[in-house]
């Protein structure tokens, strides 16, 4: 059974009895908010008696309540998938990820924060995680992401939204352990291409799919020759490349020298692979898109 609990769920005596009698049949639990989670816990504690439970979704949960539950979830023998959405956070997330990385069989982790400002993500020294698919959907510096990835050597897929630049030197050497990573999806805010390229070159040898969305002011992301060199020399397995570059229009549109870089995406290297350039003008921005032909 897969059970989804929302505002309309009614926890009467029959439902509580049903949960107690069917713990061993439940494969997935999806909680739409913290209040419904509290009602569920008042009827049934999530512990090792849920020995077939493979997936849990926590939506709109507080960091305090999450920490309480994580200590109980470690006892689940088949918890392969965990999705967490905090409604806000202004604390250090390092301790939370330190706990999550100790889950013995966890393969998929999605961590999202509805509203957050300057977070600190310093993970205490711990063990390597078995996670293979990691989705980070909150503001994260390149330094913090590098720190996270140093504990996930089995990673095959990585999705990181709202990646920002780092003010301190980045220890890129820890990324050499990501020999299984084949899919990377990243949304970039204010990360210079030089810095992102160094990050990319440490993890890209096995990549098959690369998707990048950037609002960075660095126009080097539009350099087709540079991308051609990186892909042809460092990404022999890449079969899918997607690039979204958002260029703001201030007051009026004007042609600048960097616009000549765009023509480089129409050369034989790109045409042969059917990675096609599209240009869209929407509101006060020009959107440059490179993606496979459909």
C-alpha atoms as a PDB file:
ATOM      1  CA  UNK A   1       0.000   0.000   0.000  1.00  0.00           C
ATOM      2  CA  UNK A   2       0.991   3.581  -0.685  1.00  0.00           C
ATOM      3  CA  UNK A   3      -0.722   6.071   1.625  1.00  0.00           C
ATOM      4  CA  UNK A   4      -1.085   9.795   0.962  1.00  0.00           C
ATOM      5  CA  UNK A   5      -2.297  11.935   3.864  1.00  0.00           C
ATOM      6  CA  UNK A   6      -3.678  15.464   3.398  1.00  0.00           C
ATOM      7  CA  UNK A   7      -5.867  18.038   5.130  1.00  0.00           C
ATOM      8  CA  UNK A   8      -8.972  15.939   4.433  1.00  0.00           C
ATOM      9  CA  UNK A   9      -7.675  12.757   6.081  1.00  0.00           C
ATOM     10  CA  UNK A  10      -9.793  11.657   9.049  1.00  0.00           C
ATOM     11  CA  UNK A  11      -8.113   9.823  11.923  1.00  0.00           C
ATOM     12  CA  UNK A  12     -11.010   8.058  13.595  1.00  0.00           C
ATOM     13  CA  UNK A  13     -10.836   4.827  15.597  1.00  0.00           C
ATOM     14  CA  UNK A  14     -11.271   2.610  12.527  1.00  0.00           C
ATOM     15  CA  UNK A  15      -8.461   4.331  10.667  1.00  0.00           C
ATOM     16  CA  UNK A  16      -6.084   4.026  13.622  1.00  0.00           C
ATOM     17  CA  UNK A  17      -6.927   0.340  13.892  1.00  0.00           C
ATOM     18  CA  UNK A  18      -6.342  -0.074  10.176  1.00  0.00           C
ATOM     19  CA  UNK A  19      -2.852   1.475  10.445  1.00  0.00           C
ATOM     20  CA  UNK A  20      -1.871  -0.702  13.384  1.00  0.00           C
ATOM     21  CA  UNK A  21      -2.981  -3.855  11.552  1.00  0.00           C
ATOM     22  CA  UNK A  22      -1.300  -3.040   8.243  1.00  0.00           C
ATOM     23  CA  UNK A  23       2.105  -1.588   9.115  1.00  0.00           C
ATOM     24  CA  UNK A  24       3.843  -4.437   7.311  1.00  0.00           C
ATOM     25  CA  UNK A  25       1.913  -3.730   4.068  1.00  0.00           C
ATOM     26  CA  UNK A  26       2.828  -0.041   3.745  1.00  0.00           C
ATOM     27  CA  UNK A  27       5.402   0.767   1.058  1.00  0.00           C
ATOM     28  CA  UNK A  28       5.124   4.573   0.955  1.00  0.00           C
ATOM     29  CA  UNK A  29       3.907   7.440   3.135  1.00  0.00           C
ATOM     30  CA  UNK A  30       3.245  10.966   1.871  1.00  0.00           C
ATOM     31  CA  UNK A  31       2.474  13.706   4.430  1.00  0.00           C
ATOM     32  CA  UNK A  32       1.178  16.977   2.951  1.00  0.00           C
ATOM     33  CA  UNK A  33       1.899  19.088   6.054  1.00  0.00           C
ATOM     34  CA  UNK A  34       3.183  18.951   9.616  1.00  0.00           C
ATOM     35  CA  UNK A  35      -0.218  18.919  11.312  1.00  0.00           C
ATOM     36  CA  UNK A  36      -1.303  15.783   9.456  1.00  0.00           C
ATOM     37  CA  UNK A  37       2.026  14.204  10.376  1.00  0.00           C
ATOM     38  CA  UNK A  38       1.347  14.934  14.058  1.00  0.00           C
ATOM     39  CA  UNK A  39      -2.045  13.234  13.804  1.00  0.00           C
ATOM     40  CA  UNK A  40      -0.498  10.191  12.174  1.00  0.00           C
ATOM     41  CA  UNK A  41       2.188   9.888  14.846  1.00  0.00           C
ATOM     42  CA  UNK A  42      -0.438  10.101  17.596  1.00  0.00           C
ATOM     43  CA  UNK A  43      -1.947   6.953  16.074  1.00  0.00           C
ATOM     44  CA  UNK A  44       1.145   5.081  14.988  1.00  0.00           C
ATOM     45  CA  UNK A  45       4.883   5.515  15.560  1.00  0.00           C
ATOM     46  CA  UNK A  46       7.131   5.042  12.509  1.00  0.00           C
ATOM     47  CA  UNK A  47       9.699   2.498  13.632  1.00  0.00           C
ATOM     48  CA  UNK A  48      11.209  -0.834  12.548  1.00  0.00           C
ATOM     49  CA  UNK A  49       7.742  -2.468  12.553  1.00  0.00           C
ATOM     50  CA  UNK A  50       7.249  -0.700   9.188  1.00  0.00           C
ATOM     51  CA  UNK A  51       9.765  -3.130   7.754  1.00  0.00           C
ATOM     52  CA  UNK A  52       8.499  -2.768   4.135  1.00  0.00           C
ATOM     53  CA  UNK A  53       8.392   1.024   4.117  1.00  0.00           C
ATOM     54  CA  UNK A  54      10.529   2.248   1.182  1.00  0.00           C
ATOM     55  CA  UNK A  55       9.533   5.867   0.596  1.00  0.00           C
ATOM     56  CA  UNK A  56       8.563   8.857   2.765  1.00  0.00           C
ATOM     57  CA  UNK A  57       7.594  12.390   1.711  1.00  0.00           C
ATOM     58  CA  UNK A  58       7.561  15.210   4.295  1.00  0.00           C
ATOM     59  CA  UNK A  59       6.018  18.442   2.981  1.00  0.00           C
ATOM     60  CA  UNK A  60       6.037  21.753   4.861  1.00  0.00           C
ATOM     61  CA  UNK A  61       7.725  20.414   7.981  1.00  0.00           C
ATOM     62  CA  UNK A  62       9.702  22.416  10.549  1.00  0.00           C
ATOM     63  CA  UNK A  63      13.375  21.726  11.117  1.00  0.00           C
ATOM     64  CA  UNK A  64      12.691  20.938  14.795  1.00  0.00           C
ATOM     65  CA  UNK A  65      10.093  18.276  13.973  1.00  0.00           C
ATOM     66  CA  UNK A  66      12.265  16.847  11.215  1.00  0.00           C
ATOM     67  CA  UNK A  67      15.195  16.277  13.577  1.00  0.00           C
ATOM     68  CA  UNK A  68      12.932  14.335  15.922  1.00  0.00           C
ATOM     69  CA  UNK A  69      11.740  11.993  13.182  1.00  0.00           C
ATOM     70  CA  UNK A  70      15.108  11.383  11.610  1.00  0.00           C
ATOM     71  CA  UNK A  71      16.337   9.581  14.700  1.00  0.00           C
ATOM     72  CA  UNK A  72      13.430   7.115  14.388  1.00  0.00           C
ATOM     73  CA  UNK A  73      13.721   6.632  10.633  1.00  0.00           C
ATOM     74  CA  UNK A  74      17.255   5.228  10.831  1.00  0.00           C
ATOM     75  CA  UNK A  75      15.761   1.950  12.078  1.00  0.00           C
ATOM     76  CA  UNK A  76      13.800   1.350   8.846  1.00  0.00           C
ATOM     77  CA  UNK A  77      15.513  -1.504   6.965  1.00  0.00           C
ATOM     78  CA  UNK A  78      14.163  -0.616   3.472  1.00  0.00           C
ATOM     79  CA  UNK A  79      13.943   3.189   3.418  1.00  0.00           C
ATOM     80  CA  UNK A  80      15.313   3.847  -0.074  1.00  0.00           C
ATOM     81  CA  UNK A  81      13.672   7.210  -0.861  1.00  0.00           C
ATOM     82  CA  UNK A  82      13.217  10.341   1.267  1.00  0.00           C
ATOM     83  CA  UNK A  83      11.796  13.718   0.181  1.00  0.00           C
ATOM     84  CA  UNK A  84      11.868  16.644   2.601  1.00  0.00           C
ATOM     85  CA  UNK A  85      10.447  20.131   2.207  1.00  0.00           C
ATOM     86  CA  UNK A  86      11.065  22.588   5.050  1.00  0.00           C
ATOM     87  CA  UNK A  87       8.798  25.623   5.088  1.00  0.00           C
ATOM     88  CA  UNK A  88      11.694  27.763   6.302  1.00  0.00           C
ATOM     89  CA  UNK A  89      15.180  27.436   7.699  1.00  0.00           C
ATOM     90  CA  UNK A  90      17.761  29.850   9.089  1.00  0.00           C
ATOM     91  CA  UNK A  91      19.978  27.319  10.849  1.00  0.00           C
ATOM     92  CA  UNK A  92      22.956  25.154  10.038  1.00  0.00           C
ATOM     93  CA  UNK A  93      21.835  22.210   7.895  1.00  0.00           C
ATOM     94  CA  UNK A  94      25.103  20.351   8.382  1.00  0.00           C
ATOM     95  CA  UNK A  95      23.841  18.282  11.316  1.00  0.00           C
ATOM     96  CA  UNK A  96      20.755  17.203   9.353  1.00  0.00           C
ATOM     97  CA  UNK A  97      22.783  16.030   6.375  1.00  0.00           C
ATOM     98  CA  UNK A  98      25.211  14.357   8.755  1.00  0.00           C
ATOM     99  CA  UNK A  99      22.287  12.240  10.017  1.00  0.00           C
ATOM    100  CA  UNK A 100      20.841  11.587   6.549  1.00  0.00           C
ATOM    101  CA  UNK A 101      24.190  10.401   5.208  1.00  0.00           C
ATOM    102  CA  UNK A 102      24.239   7.710   7.903  1.00  0.00           C
ATOM    103  CA  UNK A 103      21.014   6.101   6.660  1.00  0.00           C
ATOM    104  CA  UNK A 104      22.271   2.650   5.596  1.00  0.00           C
ATOM    105  CA  UNK A 105      20.181   1.977   2.448  1.00  0.00           C
ATOM    106  CA  UNK A 106      19.017   5.435   1.325  1.00  0.00           C
ATOM    107  CA  UNK A 107      19.303   5.794  -2.472  1.00  0.00           C
ATOM    108  CA  UNK A 108      17.233   8.901  -3.268  1.00  0.00           C
ATOM    109  CA  UNK A 109      17.238  12.156  -1.287  1.00  0.00           C
ATOM    110  CA  UNK A 110      15.398  15.340  -2.219  1.00  0.00           C
ATOM    111  CA  UNK A 111      15.803  18.304   0.126  1.00  0.00           C
ATOM    112  CA  UNK A 112      13.848  21.504  -0.506  1.00  0.00           C
ATOM    113  CA  UNK A 113      13.336  24.700   1.501  1.00  0.00           C
ATOM    114  CA  UNK A 114      10.377  26.974   0.725  1.00  0.00           C
ATOM    115  CA  UNK A 115      12.040  30.082   2.160  1.00  0.00           C
ATOM    116  CA  UNK A 116      15.611  30.495   3.263  1.00  0.00           C
ATOM    117  CA  UNK A 117      18.273  33.148   3.440  1.00  0.00           C
ATOM    118  CA  UNK A 118      21.944  32.719   4.246  1.00  0.00           C
ATOM    119  CA  UNK A 119      22.270  29.120   5.371  1.00  0.00           C
ATOM    120  CA  UNK A 120      25.325  27.407   6.750  1.00  0.00           C
ATOM    121  CA  UNK A 121      26.027  23.907   5.548  1.00  0.00           C
ATOM    122  CA  UNK A 122      29.051  22.500   7.316  1.00  0.00           C
ATOM    123  CA  UNK A 123      28.806  18.730   7.644  1.00  0.00           C
ATOM    124  CA  UNK A 124      30.504  17.150  10.659  1.00  0.00           C
ATOM    125  CA  UNK A 125      33.037  14.466   9.752  1.00  0.00           C
ATOM    126  CA  UNK A 126      31.132  11.268   9.122  1.00  0.00           C
ATOM    127  CA  UNK A 127      30.786   8.238   6.905  1.00  0.00           C
ATOM    128  CA  UNK A 128      30.150   7.952   3.178  1.00  0.00           C
ATOM    129  CA  UNK A 129      26.518   7.791   2.081  1.00  0.00           C
ATOM    130  CA  UNK A 130      24.975   5.167  -0.271  1.00  0.00           C
ATOM    131  CA  UNK A 131      22.851   7.908  -1.929  1.00  0.00           C
ATOM    132  CA  UNK A 132      22.734   7.633  -5.721  1.00  0.00           C
ATOM    133  CA  UNK A 133      20.273  10.438  -6.581  1.00  0.00           C
ATOM    134  CA  UNK A 134      20.595  13.761  -4.764  1.00  0.00           C
ATOM    135  CA  UNK A 135      18.319  16.779  -5.337  1.00  0.00           C
ATOM    136  CA  UNK A 136      19.267  20.011  -3.542  1.00  0.00           C
ATOM    137  CA  UNK A 137      16.592  22.688  -3.971  1.00  0.00           C
ATOM    138  CA  UNK A 138      17.746  25.622  -1.867  1.00  0.00           C
ATOM    139  CA  UNK A 139      20.422  28.321  -1.992  1.00  0.00           C
ATOM    140  CA  UNK A 140      23.744  26.533  -1.816  1.00  0.00           C
ATOM    141  CA  UNK A 141      27.256  27.851  -2.393  1.00  0.00           C
ATOM    142  CA  UNK A 142      29.658  25.990  -4.632  1.00  0.00           C
ATOM    143  CA  UNK A 143      31.819  25.363  -1.578  1.00  0.00           C
ATOM    144  CA  UNK A 144      28.902  23.832   0.345  1.00  0.00           C
ATOM    145  CA  UNK A 145      27.917  21.654  -2.602  1.00  0.00           C
ATOM    146  CA  UNK A 146      31.497  20.412  -2.903  1.00  0.00           C
ATOM    147  CA  UNK A 147      31.456  19.541   0.797  1.00  0.00           C
ATOM    148  CA  UNK A 148      28.203  17.594   0.347  1.00  0.00           C
ATOM    149  CA  UNK A 149      29.509  15.667  -2.642  1.00  0.00           C
ATOM    150  CA  UNK A 150      32.603  14.545  -0.767  1.00  0.00           C
ATOM    151  CA  UNK A 151      30.301  12.191   1.204  1.00  0.00           C
ATOM    152  CA  UNK A 152      28.387  10.729  -1.768  1.00  0.00           C
ATOM    153  CA  UNK A 153      30.862   8.681  -3.861  1.00  0.00           C
ATOM    154  CA  UNK A 154      28.086   6.480  -5.339  1.00  0.00           C
ATOM    155  CA  UNK A 155      26.160   9.407  -6.809  1.00  0.00           C
ATOM    156  CA  UNK A 156      24.815   8.868 -10.336  1.00  0.00           C
ATOM    157  CA  UNK A 157      22.357  11.801 -10.607  1.00  0.00           C
ATOM    158  CA  UNK A 158      22.635  15.298  -9.132  1.00  0.00           C
ATOM    159  CA  UNK A 159      20.114  18.136  -9.274  1.00  0.00           C
ATOM    160  CA  UNK A 160      21.084  21.448  -7.671  1.00  0.00           C
ATOM    161  CA  UNK A 161      18.870  24.522  -7.916  1.00  0.00           C
ATOM    162  CA  UNK A 162      19.996  27.982  -6.822  1.00  0.00           C
ATOM    163  CA  UNK A 163      23.749  27.413  -6.827  1.00  0.00           C
ATOM    164  CA  UNK A 164      25.685  30.544  -5.859  1.00  0.00           C
ATOM    165  CA  UNK A 165      29.350  31.490  -5.835  1.00  0.00           C
ATOM    166  CA  UNK A 166      31.715  31.015  -2.884  1.00  0.00           C
ATOM    167  CA  UNK A 167      33.826  33.640  -1.188  1.00  0.00           C
ATOM    168  CA  UNK A 168      36.444  31.143  -0.004  1.00  0.00           C
ATOM    169  CA  UNK A 169      38.724  28.805  -1.926  1.00  0.00           C
ATOM    170  CA  UNK A 170      37.042  25.592  -3.038  1.00  0.00           C
ATOM    171  CA  UNK A 171      38.610  22.184  -2.451  1.00  0.00           C
ATOM    172  CA  UNK A 172      37.827  20.702  -5.853  1.00  0.00           C
ATOM    173  CA  UNK A 173      40.093  17.694  -5.299  1.00  0.00           C
ATOM    174  CA  UNK A 174      37.411  15.915  -3.225  1.00  0.00           C
ATOM    175  CA  UNK A 175      35.218  15.663  -6.343  1.00  0.00           C
ATOM    176  CA  UNK A 176      37.497  13.143  -8.034  1.00  0.00           C
ATOM    177  CA  UNK A 177      35.588  10.388  -6.224  1.00  0.00           C
ATOM    178  CA  UNK A 178      32.409  10.978  -8.300  1.00  0.00           C
ATOM    179  CA  UNK A 179      33.231   8.393 -10.952  1.00  0.00           C
ATOM    180  CA  UNK A 180      29.598   7.221 -11.319  1.00  0.00           C
ATOM    181  CA  UNK A 181      27.915  10.587 -11.949  1.00  0.00           C
ATOM    182  CA  UNK A 182      26.147  10.494 -15.333  1.00  0.00           C
ATOM    183  CA  UNK A 183      23.398  13.118 -14.979  1.00  0.00           C
ATOM    184  CA  UNK A 184      23.836  16.720 -13.778  1.00  0.00           C
ATOM    185  CA  UNK A 185      21.101  19.368 -13.628  1.00  0.00           C
ATOM    186  CA  UNK A 186      22.120  22.712 -12.121  1.00  0.00           C
ATOM    187  CA  UNK A 187      20.606  26.189 -11.870  1.00  0.00           C
ATOM    188  CA  UNK A 188      23.261  28.855 -11.372  1.00  0.00           C
ATOM    189  CA  UNK A 189      22.992  32.267  -9.730  1.00  0.00           C
ATOM    190  CA  UNK A 190      26.079  34.475  -9.802  1.00  0.00           C
ATOM    191  CA  UNK A 191      28.802  31.856 -10.331  1.00  0.00           C
ATOM    192  CA  UNK A 192      31.591  32.891 -12.680  1.00  0.00           C
ATOM    193  CA  UNK A 193      32.185  30.500 -15.582  1.00  0.00           C
ATOM    194  CA  UNK A 194      35.861  30.028 -14.631  1.00  0.00           C
ATOM    195  CA  UNK A 195      34.820  28.752 -11.215  1.00  0.00           C
ATOM    196  CA  UNK A 196      32.007  26.585 -12.541  1.00  0.00           C
ATOM    197  CA  UNK A 197      34.278  25.111 -15.218  1.00  0.00           C
ATOM    198  CA  UNK A 198      36.779  24.001 -12.569  1.00  0.00           C
ATOM    199  CA  UNK A 199      33.943  22.328 -10.677  1.00  0.00           C
ATOM    200  CA  UNK A 200      32.609  20.699 -13.829  1.00  0.00           C
ATOM    201  CA  UNK A 201      35.964  19.341 -15.002  1.00  0.00           C
ATOM    202  CA  UNK A 202      36.353  17.437 -11.729  1.00  0.00           C
ATOM    203  CA  UNK A 203      33.113  15.496 -12.156  1.00  0.00           C
ATOM    204  CA  UNK A 204      32.392  15.381 -15.897  1.00  0.00           C
ATOM    205  CA  UNK A 205      34.358  12.390 -17.210  1.00  0.00           C
ATOM    206  CA  UNK A 206      31.356  10.012 -17.127  1.00  0.00           C
ATOM    207  CA  UNK A 207      28.548  12.539 -17.739  1.00  0.00           C
ATOM    208  CA  UNK A 208      25.892  11.525 -20.258  1.00  0.00           C
ATOM    209  CA  UNK A 209      23.442  14.366 -19.609  1.00  0.00           C
ATOM    210  CA  UNK A 210      24.237  17.978 -18.646  1.00  0.00           C
ATOM    211  CA  UNK A 211      21.574  20.642 -18.104  1.00  0.00           C
ATOM    212  CA  UNK A 212      22.497  24.172 -17.002  1.00  0.00           C
ATOM    213  CA  UNK A 213      20.289  27.195 -16.332  1.00  0.00           C
ATOM    214  CA  UNK A 214      22.088  30.418 -15.453  1.00  0.00           C
ATOM    215  CA  UNK A 215      21.224  34.030 -14.706  1.00  0.00           C
ATOM    216  CA  UNK A 216      24.851  34.942 -14.125  1.00  0.00           C
ATOM    217  CA  UNK A 217      26.145  38.177 -15.627  1.00  0.00           C
ATOM    218  CA  UNK A 218      29.246  36.378 -16.926  1.00  0.00           C
ATOM    219  CA  UNK A 219      28.780  36.271 -20.714  1.00  0.00           C
ATOM    220  CA  UNK A 220      31.430  33.533 -21.034  1.00  0.00           C
ATOM    221  CA  UNK A 221      28.601  30.983 -20.708  1.00  0.00           C
ATOM    222  CA  UNK A 222      27.638  31.992 -24.270  1.00  0.00           C
ATOM    223  CA  UNK A 223      31.047  31.056 -25.703  1.00  0.00           C
ATOM    224  CA  UNK A 224      30.314  28.145 -28.039  1.00  0.00           C
ATOM    225  CA  UNK A 225      34.021  27.481 -28.733  1.00  0.00           C
ATOM    226  CA  UNK A 226      34.730  27.083 -25.018  1.00  0.00           C
ATOM    227  CA  UNK A 227      31.855  24.663 -24.548  1.00  0.00           C
ATOM    228  CA  UNK A 228      32.936  22.731 -27.638  1.00  0.00           C
ATOM    229  CA  UNK A 229      36.439  22.336 -26.223  1.00  0.00           C
ATOM    230  CA  UNK A 230      35.174  21.200 -22.802  1.00  0.00           C
ATOM    231  CA  UNK A 231      32.721  18.683 -24.258  1.00  0.00           C
ATOM    232  CA  UNK A 232      34.978  17.235 -26.958  1.00  0.00           C
ATOM    233  CA  UNK A 233      38.030  16.883 -24.712  1.00  0.00           C
ATOM    234  CA  UNK A 234      36.543  16.102 -21.282  1.00  0.00           C
ATOM    235  CA  UNK A 235      33.067  14.614 -21.840  1.00  0.00           C
ATOM    236  CA  UNK A 236      33.376  11.725 -24.289  1.00  0.00           C
ATOM    237  CA  UNK A 237      30.113  10.104 -23.115  1.00  0.00           C
ATOM    238  CA  UNK A 238      27.885  13.212 -23.239  1.00  0.00           C
ATOM    239  CA  UNK A 239      24.773  12.634 -25.375  1.00  0.00           C
ATOM    240  CA  UNK A 240      22.488  15.385 -24.060  1.00  0.00           C
ATOM    241  CA  UNK A 241      23.428  19.026 -23.516  1.00  0.00           C
ATOM    242  CA  UNK A 242      20.989  21.745 -22.445  1.00  0.00           C
ATOM    243  CA  UNK A 243      21.949  25.347 -21.716  1.00  0.00           C
ATOM    244  CA  UNK A 244      19.582  28.159 -20.697  1.00  0.00           C
ATOM    245  CA  UNK A 245      21.112  31.618 -20.428  1.00  0.00           C
ATOM    246  CA  UNK A 246      18.973  34.557 -19.295  1.00  0.00           C
ATOM    247  CA  UNK A 247      20.207  37.964 -20.453  1.00  0.00           C
ATOM    248  CA  UNK A 248      18.383  40.962 -18.953  1.00  0.00           C
ATOM    249  CA  UNK A 249      17.421  43.938 -21.125  1.00  0.00           C
ATOM    250  CA  UNK A 250      18.007  47.262 -19.356  1.00  0.00           C
ATOM    251  CA  UNK A 251      16.014  50.214 -20.709  1.00  0.00           C
ATOM    252  CA  UNK A 252      16.568  49.307 -24.361  1.00  0.00           C
ATOM    253  CA  UNK A 253      18.147  46.507 -26.360  1.00  0.00           C
ATOM    254  CA  UNK A 254      21.598  47.004 -27.848  1.00  0.00           C
ATOM    255  CA  UNK A 255      24.105  44.814 -29.671  1.00  0.00           C
ATOM    256  CA  UNK A 256      27.351  44.206 -27.759  1.00  0.00           C
ATOM    257  CA  UNK A 257      30.569  42.407 -28.631  1.00  0.00           C
ATOM    258  CA  UNK A 258      29.607  39.311 -26.645  1.00  0.00           C
ATOM    259  CA  UNK A 259      26.644  38.704 -28.952  1.00  0.00           C
ATOM    260  CA  UNK A 260      29.097  37.507 -31.602  1.00  0.00           C
ATOM    261  CA  UNK A 261      29.853  34.513 -29.356  1.00  0.00           C
ATOM    262  CA  UNK A 262      26.361  33.157 -30.016  1.00  0.00           C
ATOM    263  CA  UNK A 263      27.154  32.362 -33.666  1.00  0.00           C
ATOM    264  CA  UNK A 264      29.617  29.735 -32.493  1.00  0.00           C
ATOM    265  CA  UNK A 265      26.679  27.509 -31.478  1.00  0.00           C
ATOM    266  CA  UNK A 266      25.730  27.155 -35.168  1.00  0.00           C
ATOM    267  CA  UNK A 267      29.001  25.504 -36.257  1.00  0.00           C
ATOM    268  CA  UNK A 268      29.241  21.822 -37.420  1.00  0.00           C
ATOM    269  CA  UNK A 269      30.080  20.527 -33.909  1.00  0.00           C
ATOM    270  CA  UNK A 270      26.597  21.522 -32.718  1.00  0.00           C
ATOM    271  CA  UNK A 271      24.687  20.744 -35.897  1.00  0.00           C
ATOM    272  CA  UNK A 272      26.144  17.219 -36.079  1.00  0.00           C
ATOM    273  CA  UNK A 273      24.830  16.456 -32.583  1.00  0.00           C
ATOM    274  CA  UNK A 274      21.486  18.169 -33.288  1.00  0.00           C
ATOM    275  CA  UNK A 275      21.992  20.527 -30.357  1.00  0.00           C
ATOM    276  CA  UNK A 276      20.060  23.504 -31.654  1.00  0.00           C
ATOM    277  CA  UNK A 277      20.238  27.194 -30.721  1.00  0.00           C
ATOM    278  CA  UNK A 278      16.977  28.995 -29.993  1.00  0.00           C
ATOM    279  CA  UNK A 279      16.566  32.641 -29.001  1.00  0.00           C
ATOM    280  CA  UNK A 280      13.452  33.937 -27.233  1.00  0.00           C
ATOM    281  CA  UNK A 281      12.581  37.490 -26.214  1.00  0.00           C
ATOM    282  CA  UNK A 282      10.244  37.587 -23.217  1.00  0.00           C
ATOM    283  CA  UNK A 283       9.376  40.714 -21.214  1.00  0.00           C
ATOM    284  CA  UNK A 284      12.705  42.320 -20.256  1.00  0.00           C
ATOM    285  CA  UNK A 285      15.061  39.483 -21.083  1.00  0.00           C
ATOM    286  CA  UNK A 286      16.571  37.529 -23.949  1.00  0.00           C
ATOM    287  CA  UNK A 287      16.674  33.772 -23.385  1.00  0.00           C
ATOM    288  CA  UNK A 288      19.344  31.796 -25.228  1.00  0.00           C
ATOM    289  CA  UNK A 289      18.634  28.064 -25.303  1.00  0.00           C
ATOM    290  CA  UNK A 290      20.800  25.194 -26.535  1.00  0.00           C
ATOM    291  CA  UNK A 291      18.987  21.861 -26.453  1.00  0.00           C
ATOM    292  CA  UNK A 292      18.528  18.654 -28.459  1.00  0.00           C
ATOM    293  CA  UNK A 293      16.335  18.947 -31.537  1.00  0.00           C
ATOM    294  CA  UNK A 294      12.762  17.750 -31.029  1.00  0.00           C
END
